[in-house]
């Protein structure tokens, strides 16, 4: 691989943000609740793993690596939509608990 292309696909801020999201228990809980609501699934809280969260982001953004989030405009836009939906969930959770 040419150094220029390799450099282009290094992960930046969005890739790091995606990695931190995948490690977040709260984000994975959102994925559990989203799957139950969207697909009418029966699953316990805590079902989604870090790998499941990573797979979700990669599939939703149509990329093979989180590093692509920093270099692919369509993937970046989809990641922004995921962040917005997750932020709305967190806001509603905070409101529901009086926070």
PDB file of N, CA and C in Angstrom:
ATOM      1  N   UNK A   1       0.854  -1.188   0.000  1.00  0.00           N
ATOM      2  CA  UNK A   1       0.000   0.000   0.000  1.00  0.00           C
ATOM      3  C   UNK A   1       0.892   1.240   0.000  1.00  0.00           C
ATOM      4  N   UNK A   2       0.558   2.194  -0.794  1.00  0.00           N
ATOM      5  CA  UNK A   2       1.324   3.427  -0.856  1.00  0.00           C
ATOM      6  C   UNK A   2       1.202   4.173   0.463  1.00  0.00           C
ATOM      7  N   UNK A   3       2.281   4.810   0.934  1.00  0.00           N
ATOM      8  CA  UNK A   3       2.226   5.538   2.206  1.00  0.00           C
ATOM      9  C   UNK A   3       1.112   6.574   2.247  1.00  0.00           C
ATOM     10  N   UNK A   4       0.867   7.232   1.114  1.00  0.00           N
ATOM     11  CA  UNK A   4      -0.169   8.265   1.076  1.00  0.00           C
ATOM     12  C   UNK A   4      -1.545   7.661   1.349  1.00  0.00           C
ATOM     13  N   UNK A   5      -1.849   6.507   0.748  1.00  0.00           N
ATOM     14  CA  UNK A   5      -3.138   5.859   0.975  1.00  0.00           C
ATOM     15  C   UNK A   5      -3.243   5.336   2.394  1.00  0.00           C
ATOM     16  N   UNK A   6      -2.142   4.763   2.898  1.00  0.00           N
ATOM     17  CA  UNK A   6      -2.148   4.259   4.265  1.00  0.00           C
ATOM     18  C   UNK A   6      -2.414   5.390   5.246  1.00  0.00           C
ATOM     19  N   UNK A   7      -1.768   6.524   5.035  1.00  0.00           N
ATOM     20  CA  UNK A   7      -1.952   7.692   5.889  1.00  0.00           C
ATOM     21  C   UNK A   7      -3.403   8.171   5.846  1.00  0.00           C
ATOM     22  N   UNK A   8      -4.001   8.101   4.678  1.00  0.00           N
ATOM     23  CA  UNK A   8      -5.368   8.579   4.491  1.00  0.00           C
ATOM     24  C   UNK A   8      -6.367   7.806   5.343  1.00  0.00           C
ATOM     25  N   UNK A   9      -6.078   6.539   5.599  1.00  0.00           N
ATOM     26  CA  UNK A   9      -7.037   5.718   6.319  1.00  0.00           C
ATOM     27  C   UNK A   9      -6.711   5.534   7.798  1.00  0.00           C
ATOM     28  N   UNK A  10      -5.829   6.342   8.322  1.00  0.00           N
ATOM     29  CA  UNK A  10      -5.597   6.287   9.759  1.00  0.00           C
ATOM     30  C   UNK A  10      -6.808   6.887  10.459  1.00  0.00           C
ATOM     31  N   UNK A  11      -7.134   6.320  11.587  1.00  0.00           N
ATOM     32  CA  UNK A  11      -8.276   6.817  12.341  1.00  0.00           C
ATOM     33  C   UNK A  11      -7.978   8.155  12.983  1.00  0.00           C
ATOM     34  N   UNK A  12      -8.976   8.998  12.980  1.00  0.00           N
ATOM     35  CA  UNK A  12      -8.876  10.307  13.607  1.00  0.00           C
ATOM     36  C   UNK A  12      -9.897  10.433  14.727  1.00  0.00           C
ATOM     37  N   UNK A  13     -10.402  11.628  14.891  1.00  0.00           N
ATOM     38  CA  UNK A  13     -11.328  11.933  15.982  1.00  0.00           C
ATOM     39  C   UNK A  13     -12.579  11.058  15.942  1.00  0.00           C
ATOM     40  N   UNK A  14     -13.178  10.894  14.789  1.00  0.00           N
ATOM     41  CA  UNK A  14     -14.416  10.113  14.692  1.00  0.00           C
ATOM     42  C   UNK A  14     -14.170   8.638  14.988  1.00  0.00           C
ATOM     43  N   UNK A  15     -13.053   8.114  14.519  1.00  0.00           N
ATOM     44  CA  UNK A  15     -12.721   6.712  14.800  1.00  0.00           C
ATOM     45  C   UNK A  15     -12.535   6.504  16.300  1.00  0.00           C
ATOM     46  N   UNK A  16     -11.853   7.439  16.948  1.00  0.00           N
ATOM     47  CA  UNK A  16     -11.664   7.335  18.408  1.00  0.00           C
ATOM     48  C   UNK A  16     -12.998   7.462  19.134  1.00  0.00           C
ATOM     49  N   UNK A  17     -13.851   8.366  18.668  1.00  0.00           N
ATOM     50  CA  UNK A  17     -15.164   8.540  19.281  1.00  0.00           C
ATOM     51  C   UNK A  17     -15.988   7.263  19.137  1.00  0.00           C
ATOM     52  N   UNK A  18     -15.932   6.643  17.976  1.00  0.00           N
ATOM     53  CA  UNK A  18     -16.659   5.394  17.749  1.00  0.00           C
ATOM     54  C   UNK A  18     -16.129   4.294  18.665  1.00  0.00           C
ATOM     55  N   UNK A  19     -14.820   4.219  18.828  1.00  0.00           N
ATOM     56  CA  UNK A  19     -14.230   3.205  19.705  1.00  0.00           C
ATOM     57  C   UNK A  19     -14.680   3.411  21.146  1.00  0.00           C
ATOM     58  N   UNK A  20     -14.713   4.666  21.592  1.00  0.00           N
ATOM     59  CA  UNK A  20     -15.160   4.945  22.960  1.00  0.00           C
ATOM     60  C   UNK A  20     -16.640   4.611  23.127  1.00  0.00           C
ATOM     61  N   UNK A  21     -17.445   4.889  22.113  1.00  0.00           N
ATOM     62  CA  UNK A  21     -18.863   4.529  22.176  1.00  0.00           C
ATOM     63  C   UNK A  21     -19.033   3.027  22.346  1.00  0.00           C
ATOM     64  N   UNK A  22     -18.270   2.259  21.599  1.00  0.00           N
ATOM     65  CA  UNK A  22     -18.385   0.803  21.666  1.00  0.00           C
ATOM     66  C   UNK A  22     -18.040   0.281  23.054  1.00  0.00           C
ATOM     67  N   UNK A  23     -17.183   0.988  23.768  1.00  0.00           N
ATOM     68  CA  UNK A  23     -16.798   0.593  25.118  1.00  0.00           C
ATOM     69  C   UNK A  23     -17.821   1.035  26.159  1.00  0.00           C
ATOM     70  N   UNK A  24     -18.722   1.917  25.785  1.00  0.00           N
ATOM     71  CA  UNK A  24     -19.691   2.485  26.721  1.00  0.00           C
ATOM     72  C   UNK A  24     -20.854   1.526  26.982  1.00  0.00           C
ATOM     73  N   UNK A  25     -21.035   1.179  28.250  1.00  0.00           N
ATOM     74  CA  UNK A  25     -22.170   0.326  28.611  1.00  0.00           C
ATOM     75  C   UNK A  25     -23.489   1.005  28.276  1.00  0.00           C
ATOM     76  N   UNK A  26     -23.548   2.326  28.435  1.00  0.00           N
ATOM     77  CA  UNK A  26     -24.778   3.065  28.140  1.00  0.00           C
ATOM     78  C   UNK A  26     -25.118   3.005  26.647  1.00  0.00           C
ATOM     79  N   UNK A  27     -24.111   3.110  25.789  1.00  0.00           N
ATOM     80  CA  UNK A  27     -24.342   3.008  24.348  1.00  0.00           C
ATOM     81  C   UNK A  27     -24.838   1.609  23.997  1.00  0.00           C
ATOM     82  N   UNK A  28     -24.226   0.596  24.593  1.00  0.00           N
ATOM     83  CA  UNK A  28     -24.642  -0.781  24.305  1.00  0.00           C
ATOM     84  C   UNK A  28     -26.048  -1.046  24.833  1.00  0.00           C
ATOM     85  N   UNK A  29     -26.415  -0.422  25.946  1.00  0.00           N
ATOM     86  CA  UNK A  29     -27.782  -0.522  26.455  1.00  0.00           C
ATOM     87  C   UNK A  29     -28.748   0.120  25.465  1.00  0.00           C
ATOM     88  N   UNK A  30     -28.365   1.262  24.900  1.00  0.00           N
ATOM     89  CA  UNK A  30     -29.189   1.900  23.870  1.00  0.00           C
ATOM     90  C   UNK A  30     -29.383   0.960  22.692  1.00  0.00           C
ATOM     91  N   UNK A  31     -28.328   0.256  22.295  1.00  0.00           N
ATOM     92  CA  UNK A  31     -28.456  -0.707  21.199  1.00  0.00           C
ATOM     93  C   UNK A  31     -29.439  -1.819  21.560  1.00  0.00           C
ATOM     94  N   UNK A  32     -29.391  -2.294  22.807  1.00  0.00           N
ATOM     95  CA  UNK A  32     -30.352  -3.312  23.261  1.00  0.00           C
ATOM     96  C   UNK A  32     -31.777  -2.793  23.116  1.00  0.00           C
ATOM     97  N   UNK A  33     -32.004  -1.611  23.643  1.00  0.00           N
ATOM     98  CA  UNK A  33     -33.359  -1.043  23.637  1.00  0.00           C
ATOM     99  C   UNK A  33     -33.803  -0.683  22.223  1.00  0.00           C
ATOM    100  N   UNK A  34     -32.879  -0.222  21.399  1.00  0.00           N
ATOM    101  CA  UNK A  34     -33.187   0.092  20.006  1.00  0.00           C
ATOM    102  C   UNK A  34     -33.599  -1.168  19.257  1.00  0.00           C
ATOM    103  N   UNK A  35     -32.875  -2.248  19.457  1.00  0.00           N
ATOM    104  CA  UNK A  35     -33.188  -3.513  18.782  1.00  0.00           C
ATOM    105  C   UNK A  35     -34.555  -4.033  19.218  1.00  0.00           C
ATOM    106  N   UNK A  36     -34.845  -3.929  20.511  1.00  0.00           N
ATOM    107  CA  UNK A  36     -36.160  -4.377  20.995  1.00  0.00           C
ATOM    108  C   UNK A  36     -37.274  -3.567  20.357  1.00  0.00           C
ATOM    109  N   UNK A  37     -37.112  -2.256  20.306  1.00  0.00           N
ATOM    110  CA  UNK A  37     -38.159  -1.387  19.766  1.00  0.00           C
ATOM    111  C   UNK A  37     -38.278  -1.513  18.247  1.00  0.00           C
ATOM    112  N   UNK A  38     -37.159  -1.521  17.563  1.00  0.00           N
ATOM    113  CA  UNK A  38     -37.182  -1.511  16.103  1.00  0.00           C
ATOM    114  C   UNK A  38     -37.579  -2.854  15.511  1.00  0.00           C
ATOM    115  N   UNK A  39     -37.116  -3.931  16.128  1.00  0.00           N
ATOM    116  CA  UNK A  39     -37.330  -5.260  15.551  1.00  0.00           C
ATOM    117  C   UNK A  39     -38.248  -6.141  16.385  1.00  0.00           C
ATOM    118  N   UNK A  40     -38.831  -5.555  17.446  1.00  0.00           N
ATOM    119  CA  UNK A  40     -39.743  -6.287  18.326  1.00  0.00           C
ATOM    120  C   UNK A  40     -39.084  -7.569  18.857  1.00  0.00           C
ATOM    121  N   UNK A  41     -37.826  -7.430  19.262  1.00  0.00           N
ATOM    122  CA  UNK A  41     -37.071  -8.567  19.775  1.00  0.00           C
ATOM    123  C   UNK A  41     -37.210  -8.676  21.283  1.00  0.00           C
ATOM    124  N   UNK A  42     -37.052  -9.868  21.768  1.00  0.00           N
ATOM    125  CA  UNK A  42     -36.997 -10.103  23.205  1.00  0.00           C
ATOM    126  C   UNK A  42     -35.525 -10.307  23.546  1.00  0.00           C
ATOM    127  N   UNK A  43     -34.967  -9.385  24.308  1.00  0.00           N
ATOM    128  CA  UNK A  43     -33.570  -9.517  24.732  1.00  0.00           C
ATOM    129  C   UNK A  43     -33.377  -8.756  26.028  1.00  0.00           C
ATOM    130  N   UNK A  44     -32.475  -9.254  26.832  1.00  0.00           N
ATOM    131  CA  UNK A  44     -32.173  -8.620  28.107  1.00  0.00           C
ATOM    132  C   UNK A  44     -31.273  -7.411  27.903  1.00  0.00           C
ATOM    133  N   UNK A  45     -31.336  -6.472  28.849  1.00  0.00           N
ATOM    134  CA  UNK A  45     -30.364  -5.390  28.870  1.00  0.00           C
ATOM    135  C   UNK A  45     -28.986  -6.013  29.073  1.00  0.00           C
ATOM    136  N   UNK A  46     -28.006  -5.455  28.433  1.00  0.00           N
ATOM    137  CA  UNK A  46     -26.649  -5.972  28.564  1.00  0.00           C
ATOM    138  C   UNK A  46     -26.301  -7.036  27.542  1.00  0.00           C
ATOM    139  N   UNK A  47     -27.163  -7.219  26.554  1.00  0.00           N
ATOM    140  CA  UNK A  47     -26.938  -8.245  25.534  1.00  0.00           C
ATOM    141  C   UNK A  47     -25.833  -7.848  24.561  1.00  0.00           C
ATOM    142  N   UNK A  48     -25.806  -6.590  24.135  1.00  0.00           N
ATOM    143  CA  UNK A  48     -24.821  -6.154  23.140  1.00  0.00           C
ATOM    144  C   UNK A  48     -23.426  -6.037  23.770  1.00  0.00           C
ATOM    145  N   UNK A  49     -22.449  -6.593  23.087  1.00  0.00           N
ATOM    146  CA  UNK A  49     -21.052  -6.534  23.507  1.00  0.00           C
ATOM    147  C   UNK A  49     -20.342  -5.394  22.779  1.00  0.00           C
ATOM    148  N   UNK A  50     -19.086  -5.155  23.155  1.00  0.00           N
ATOM    149  CA  UNK A  50     -18.291  -4.151  22.439  1.00  0.00           C
ATOM    150  C   UNK A  50     -18.184  -4.512  20.962  1.00  0.00           C
ATOM    151  N   UNK A  51     -18.004  -5.795  20.677  1.00  0.00           N
ATOM    152  CA  UNK A  51     -17.899  -6.243  19.283  1.00  0.00           C
ATOM    153  C   UNK A  51     -19.214  -6.010  18.540  1.00  0.00           C
ATOM    154  N   UNK A  52     -20.354  -6.273  19.216  1.00  0.00           N
ATOM    155  CA  UNK A  52     -21.658  -6.015  18.595  1.00  0.00           C
ATOM    156  C   UNK A  52     -21.812  -4.532  18.265  1.00  0.00           C
ATOM    157  N   UNK A  53     -21.383  -3.676  19.187  1.00  0.00           N
ATOM    158  CA  UNK A  53     -21.476  -2.232  18.966  1.00  0.00           C
ATOM    159  C   UNK A  53     -20.604  -1.818  17.782  1.00  0.00           C
ATOM    160  N   UNK A  54     -19.405  -2.380  17.712  1.00  0.00           N
ATOM    161  CA  UNK A  54     -18.507  -2.099  16.588  1.00  0.00           C
ATOM    162  C   UNK A  54     -19.148  -2.556  15.281  1.00  0.00           C
ATOM    163  N   UNK A  55     -19.685  -3.765  15.289  1.00  0.00           N
ATOM    164  CA  UNK A  55     -20.327  -4.296  14.086  1.00  0.00           C
ATOM    165  C   UNK A  55     -21.505  -3.425  13.656  1.00  0.00           C
ATOM    166  N   UNK A  56     -22.282  -2.945  14.632  1.00  0.00           N
ATOM    167  CA  UNK A  56     -23.417  -2.072  14.328  1.00  0.00           C
ATOM    168  C   UNK A  56     -22.950  -0.807  13.613  1.00  0.00           C
ATOM    169  N   UNK A  57     -21.928  -0.160  14.161  1.00  0.00           N
ATOM    170  CA  UNK A  57     -21.431   1.080  13.558  1.00  0.00           C
ATOM    171  C   UNK A  57     -20.893   0.820  12.154  1.00  0.00           C
ATOM    172  N   UNK A  58     -20.112  -0.239  12.004  1.00  0.00           N
ATOM    173  CA  UNK A  58     -19.543  -0.542  10.688  1.00  0.00           C
ATOM    174  C   UNK A  58     -20.635  -0.827   9.664  1.00  0.00           C
ATOM    175  N   UNK A  59     -21.623  -1.619  10.061  1.00  0.00           N
ATOM    176  CA  UNK A  59     -22.699  -1.962   9.129  1.00  0.00           C
ATOM    177  C   UNK A  59     -23.546  -0.736   8.798  1.00  0.00           C
ATOM    178  N   UNK A  60     -23.940   0.009   9.815  1.00  0.00           N
ATOM    179  CA  UNK A  60     -24.786   1.185   9.589  1.00  0.00           C
ATOM    180  C   UNK A  60     -24.088   2.219   8.708  1.00  0.00           C
ATOM    181  N   UNK A  61     -22.781   2.351   8.874  1.00  0.00           N
ATOM    182  CA  UNK A  61     -22.020   3.351   8.121  1.00  0.00           C
ATOM    183  C   UNK A  61     -21.435   2.794   6.827  1.00  0.00           C
ATOM    184  N   UNK A  62     -21.661   1.506   6.581  1.00  0.00           N
ATOM    185  CA  UNK A  62     -21.191   0.840   5.356  1.00  0.00           C
ATOM    186  C   UNK A  62     -19.681   0.982   5.160  1.00  0.00           C
ATOM    187  N   UNK A  63     -18.944   0.690   6.233  1.00  0.00           N
ATOM    188  CA  UNK A  63     -17.481   0.726   6.181  1.00  0.00           C
ATOM    189  C   UNK A  63     -16.928  -0.573   6.754  1.00  0.00           C
ATOM    190  N   UNK A  64     -15.658  -0.802   6.518  1.00  0.00           N
ATOM    191  CA  UNK A  64     -14.999  -1.991   7.044  1.00  0.00           C
ATOM    192  C   UNK A  64     -14.146  -1.686   8.262  1.00  0.00           C
ATOM    193  N   UNK A  65     -13.886  -0.409   8.506  1.00  0.00           N
ATOM    194  CA  UNK A  65     -13.047   0.011   9.615  1.00  0.00           C
ATOM    195  C   UNK A  65     -13.561   1.343  10.152  1.00  0.00           C
ATOM    196  N   UNK A  66     -13.477   1.510  11.468  1.00  0.00           N
ATOM    197  CA  UNK A  66     -13.899   2.782  12.052  1.00  0.00           C
ATOM    198  C   UNK A  66     -13.047   3.934  11.540  1.00  0.00           C
ATOM    199  N   UNK A  67     -11.816   3.656  11.134  1.00  0.00           N
ATOM    200  CA  UNK A  67     -10.937   4.705  10.597  1.00  0.00           C
ATOM    201  C   UNK A  67     -11.561   5.383   9.382  1.00  0.00           C
ATOM    202  N   UNK A  68     -12.376   4.654   8.638  1.00  0.00           N
ATOM    203  CA  UNK A  68     -13.015   5.223   7.450  1.00  0.00           C
ATOM    204  C   UNK A  68     -14.004   6.333   7.799  1.00  0.00           C
ATOM    205  N   UNK A  69     -14.465   6.385   9.030  1.00  0.00           N
ATOM    206  CA  UNK A  69     -15.406   7.430   9.437  1.00  0.00           C
ATOM    207  C   UNK A  69     -14.798   8.817   9.263  1.00  0.00           C
ATOM    208  N   UNK A  70     -13.478   8.894   9.346  1.00  0.00           N
ATOM    209  CA  UNK A  70     -12.789  10.176   9.210  1.00  0.00           C
ATOM    210  C   UNK A  70     -12.483  10.541   7.763  1.00  0.00           C
ATOM    211  N   UNK A  71     -12.749   9.623   6.823  1.00  0.00           N
ATOM    212  CA  UNK A  71     -12.344   9.848   5.438  1.00  0.00           C
ATOM    213  C   UNK A  71     -13.468   9.655   4.417  1.00  0.00           C
ATOM    214  N   UNK A  72     -14.603   9.172   4.856  1.00  0.00           N
ATOM    215  CA  UNK A  72     -15.718   8.865   3.954  1.00  0.00           C
ATOM    216  C   UNK A  72     -16.895   9.749   4.361  1.00  0.00           C
ATOM    217  N   UNK A  73     -17.278  10.669   3.497  1.00  0.00           N
ATOM    218  CA  UNK A  73     -18.324  11.637   3.843  1.00  0.00           C
ATOM    219  C   UNK A  73     -19.664  10.980   4.151  1.00  0.00           C
ATOM    220  N   UNK A  74     -20.046   9.965   3.381  1.00  0.00           N
ATOM    221  CA  UNK A  74     -21.325   9.288   3.632  1.00  0.00           C
ATOM    222  C   UNK A  74     -21.293   8.550   4.966  1.00  0.00           C
ATOM    223  N   UNK A  75     -20.192   7.887   5.252  1.00  0.00           N
ATOM    224  CA  UNK A  75     -20.051   7.179   6.522  1.00  0.00           C
ATOM    225  C   UNK A  75     -20.062   8.164   7.683  1.00  0.00           C
ATOM    226  N   UNK A  76     -19.393   9.270   7.498  1.00  0.00           N
ATOM    227  CA  UNK A  76     -19.350  10.305   8.527  1.00  0.00           C
ATOM    228  C   UNK A  76     -20.743  10.856   8.807  1.00  0.00           C
ATOM    229  N   UNK A  77     -21.523  11.067   7.757  1.00  0.00           N
ATOM    230  CA  UNK A  77     -22.891  11.571   7.922  1.00  0.00           C
ATOM    231  C   UNK A  77     -23.758  10.557   8.663  1.00  0.00           C
ATOM    232  N   UNK A  78     -23.611   9.281   8.342  1.00  0.00           N
ATOM    233  CA  UNK A  78     -24.388   8.257   9.035  1.00  0.00           C
ATOM    234  C   UNK A  78     -23.959   8.159  10.495  1.00  0.00           C
ATOM    235  N   UNK A  79     -22.672   8.262  10.760  1.00  0.00           N
ATOM    236  CA  UNK A  79     -22.188   8.231  12.138  1.00  0.00           C
ATOM    237  C   UNK A  79     -22.770   9.405  12.915  1.00  0.00           C
ATOM    238  N   UNK A  80     -22.865  10.564  12.283  1.00  0.00           N
ATOM    239  CA  UNK A  80     -23.474  11.733  12.931  1.00  0.00           C
ATOM    240  C   UNK A  80     -24.934  11.452  13.275  1.00  0.00           C
ATOM    241  N   UNK A  81     -25.652  10.754  12.402  1.00  0.00           N
ATOM    242  CA  UNK A  81     -27.049  10.394  12.687  1.00  0.00           C
ATOM    243  C   UNK A  81     -27.135   9.444  13.877  1.00  0.00           C
ATOM    244  N   UNK A  82     -26.218   8.504  13.956  1.00  0.00           N
ATOM    245  CA  UNK A  82     -26.181   7.584  15.096  1.00  0.00           C
ATOM    246  C   UNK A  82     -25.947   8.376  16.380  1.00  0.00           C
ATOM    247  N   UNK A  83     -24.991   9.298  16.342  1.00  0.00           N
ATOM    248  CA  UNK A  83     -24.704  10.119  17.517  1.00  0.00           C
ATOM    249  C   UNK A  83     -25.915  10.956  17.922  1.00  0.00           C
ATOM    250  N   UNK A  84     -26.636  11.499  16.941  1.00  0.00           N
ATOM    251  CA  UNK A  84     -27.831  12.289  17.241  1.00  0.00           C
ATOM    252  C   UNK A  84     -28.903  11.434  17.897  1.00  0.00           C
ATOM    253  N   UNK A  85     -29.140  10.252  17.363  1.00  0.00           N
ATOM    254  CA  UNK A  85     -30.151   9.359  17.934  1.00  0.00           C
ATOM    255  C   UNK A  85     -29.764   8.952  19.349  1.00  0.00           C
ATOM    256  N   UNK A  86     -28.501   8.649  19.550  1.00  0.00           N
ATOM    257  CA  UNK A  86     -28.025   8.270  20.879  1.00  0.00           C
ATOM    258  C   UNK A  86     -28.135   9.451  21.846  1.00  0.00           C
ATOM    259  N   UNK A  87     -27.825  10.646  21.388  1.00  0.00           N
ATOM    260  CA  UNK A  87     -27.946  11.843  22.232  1.00  0.00           C
ATOM    261  C   UNK A  87     -29.393  12.095  22.631  1.00  0.00           C
ATOM    262  N   UNK A  88     -30.318  11.883  21.692  1.00  0.00           N
ATOM    263  CA  UNK A  88     -31.751  12.034  22.023  1.00  0.00           C
ATOM    264  C   UNK A  88     -32.159  11.018  23.083  1.00  0.00           C
ATOM    265  N   UNK A  89     -31.694   9.793  22.941  1.00  0.00           N
ATOM    266  CA  UNK A  89     -31.979   8.751  23.933  1.00  0.00           C
ATOM    267  C   UNK A  89     -31.450   9.175  25.311  1.00  0.00           C
ATOM    268  N   UNK A  90     -30.216   9.651  25.353  1.00  0.00           N
ATOM    269  CA  UNK A  90     -29.628  10.062  26.638  1.00  0.00           C
ATOM    270  C   UNK A  90     -30.413  11.217  27.252  1.00  0.00           C
ATOM    271  N   UNK A  91     -30.853  12.157  26.419  1.00  0.00           N
ATOM    272  CA  UNK A  91     -31.636  13.290  26.908  1.00  0.00           C
ATOM    273  C   UNK A  91     -32.959  12.802  27.502  1.00  0.00           C
ATOM    274  N   UNK A  92     -33.637  11.895  26.773  1.00  0.00           N
ATOM    275  CA  UNK A  92     -34.910  11.362  27.276  1.00  0.00           C
ATOM    276  C   UNK A  92     -34.711  10.580  28.569  1.00  0.00           C
ATOM    277  N   UNK A  93     -33.634   9.833  28.661  1.00  0.00           N
ATOM    278  CA  UNK A  93     -33.349   9.077  29.882  1.00  0.00           C
ATOM    279  C   UNK A  93     -33.126  10.026  31.053  1.00  0.00           C
ATOM    280  N   UNK A  94     -32.399  11.100  30.788  1.00  0.00           N
ATOM    281  CA  UNK A  94     -32.123  12.086  31.831  1.00  0.00           C
ATOM    282  C   UNK A  94     -33.420  12.751  32.290  1.00  0.00           C
ATOM    283  N   UNK A  95     -34.291  13.089  31.337  1.00  0.00           N
ATOM    284  CA  UNK A  95     -35.573  13.707  31.677  1.00  0.00           C
ATOM    285  C   UNK A  95     -36.450  12.748  32.477  1.00  0.00           C
ATOM    286  N   UNK A  96     -36.439  11.480  32.110  1.00  0.00           N
ATOM    287  CA  UNK A  96     -37.271  10.479  32.781  1.00  0.00           C
ATOM    288  C   UNK A  96     -36.827  10.241  34.220  1.00  0.00           C
ATOM    289  N   UNK A  97     -35.539  10.438  34.486  1.00  0.00           N
ATOM    290  CA  UNK A  97     -35.033  10.205  35.840  1.00  0.00           C
ATOM    291  C   UNK A  97     -34.935  11.499  36.638  1.00  0.00           C
ATOM    292  N   UNK A  98     -35.431  12.584  36.056  1.00  0.00           N
ATOM    293  CA  UNK A  98     -35.444  13.861  36.757  1.00  0.00           C
ATOM    294  C   UNK A  98     -34.103  14.570  36.758  1.00  0.00           C
ATOM    295  N   UNK A  99     -33.217  14.167  35.852  1.00  0.00           N
ATOM    296  CA  UNK A  99     -31.864  14.748  35.808  1.00  0.00           C
ATOM    297  C   UNK A  99     -31.725  15.926  34.968  1.00  0.00           C
TER     298      UNK A  99
END
